[in-house]
Amino acid sequence: MINYLLHFFIEIYSLYKVIKKHNPDIVNCHDSHQIKGVIASKLANVPCVWHIHNTFLPSMLKPIFKFGT
């Protein structure tokens, strides 16, 4: 779990750097597993369009998805 969390934040930072480098007008993410892209775009102050196609969402993840809206 610690390894996952460490890589989770490293990947968000990596995405953040890519977003800042290329300075896109918008970031487009698909499905719930793209939460890292949503967080990185929020940190970079770039609008994000997030398409969630999942029909099942565990209750412990619901607060995370409210952050992205």
Protein backbone atom coordinates (compact mmCIF):
# COMPACT_ATOMS: atom_id res chain seq x y z
CA MET A 1 0.00 0.00 0.00
CA ILE A 2 2.83 2.40 0.82
CA ASN A 3 4.44 1.66 -2.53
CA TYR A 4 1.14 2.38 -4.31
CA LEU A 5 0.67 5.69 -2.50
CA LEU A 6 4.25 6.74 -3.20
CA HIS A 7 3.86 6.05 -6.91
CA PHE A 8 0.41 7.65 -6.90
CA PHE A 9 1.85 11.02 -5.88
CA ILE A 10 4.91 10.66 -8.12
CA GLU A 11 2.66 10.02 -11.12
CA ILE A 12 0.49 13.04 -10.27
CA TYR A 13 3.61 15.20 -10.11
CA SER A 14 4.85 13.78 -13.44
CA LEU A 15 1.52 14.55 -15.09
CA TYR A 16 1.53 18.01 -13.54
CA LYS A 17 4.95 18.72 -15.10
CA VAL A 18 3.76 17.54 -18.54
CA ILE A 19 0.65 19.73 -18.30
CA LYS A 20 2.70 22.77 -17.28
CA LYS A 21 5.26 22.13 -20.04
CA HIS A 22 2.74 21.81 -22.87
CA ASN A 23 0.23 24.32 -21.46
CA PRO A 24 -2.93 22.73 -22.96
CA ASP A 25 -6.26 24.54 -23.03
CA ILE A 26 -8.01 21.52 -21.53
CA VAL A 27 -7.24 18.04 -20.17
CA ASN A 28 -9.51 15.15 -21.16
CA CYS A 29 -9.73 12.13 -18.82
CA HIS A 30 -11.80 8.96 -19.14
CA ASP A 31 -13.14 6.70 -16.41
CA SER A 32 -12.53 6.62 -12.69
CA HIS A 33 -8.97 5.29 -12.91
CA GLN A 34 -7.88 8.62 -14.40
CA ILE A 35 -8.12 10.44 -11.07
CA LYS A 36 -4.41 11.27 -11.31
CA GLY A 37 -4.95 13.32 -14.46
CA VAL A 38 -7.85 15.13 -12.84
CA ILE A 39 -5.80 16.02 -9.77
CA ALA A 40 -2.81 17.10 -11.89
CA SER A 41 -4.99 19.35 -14.06
CA LYS A 42 -6.56 20.93 -10.97
CA LEU A 43 -3.10 21.62 -9.51
CA ALA A 44 -1.99 23.16 -12.83
CA ASN A 45 -5.17 25.29 -13.03
CA VAL A 46 -6.13 23.75 -16.36
CA PRO A 47 -9.79 22.82 -16.96
CA CYS A 48 -10.51 19.11 -17.12
CA VAL A 49 -13.28 17.22 -18.87
CA TRP A 50 -13.76 13.94 -17.06
CA HIS A 51 -15.92 11.24 -18.60
CA ILE A 52 -16.87 8.60 -16.05
CA HIS A 53 -18.33 5.51 -17.67
CA ASN A 54 -18.25 3.26 -14.62
CA THR A 55 -21.58 2.29 -13.14
CA PHE A 56 -20.18 0.98 -9.86
CA LEU A 57 -18.38 3.22 -7.40
CA PRO A 58 -17.35 2.00 -3.95
CA SER A 59 -18.66 4.30 -1.22
CA MET A 60 -15.17 5.06 0.11
CA LEU A 61 -14.22 6.58 -3.28
CA LYS A 62 -17.21 8.91 -3.57
CA PRO A 63 -15.56 11.82 -1.71
CA ILE A 64 -12.59 11.66 -4.11
CA PHE A 65 -14.87 11.98 -7.12
CA LYS A 66 -16.67 14.96 -5.60
CA PHE A 67 -13.26 16.69 -5.55
CA GLY A 68 -13.03 16.40 -9.34
CA THR A 69 -16.32 18.12 -10.04
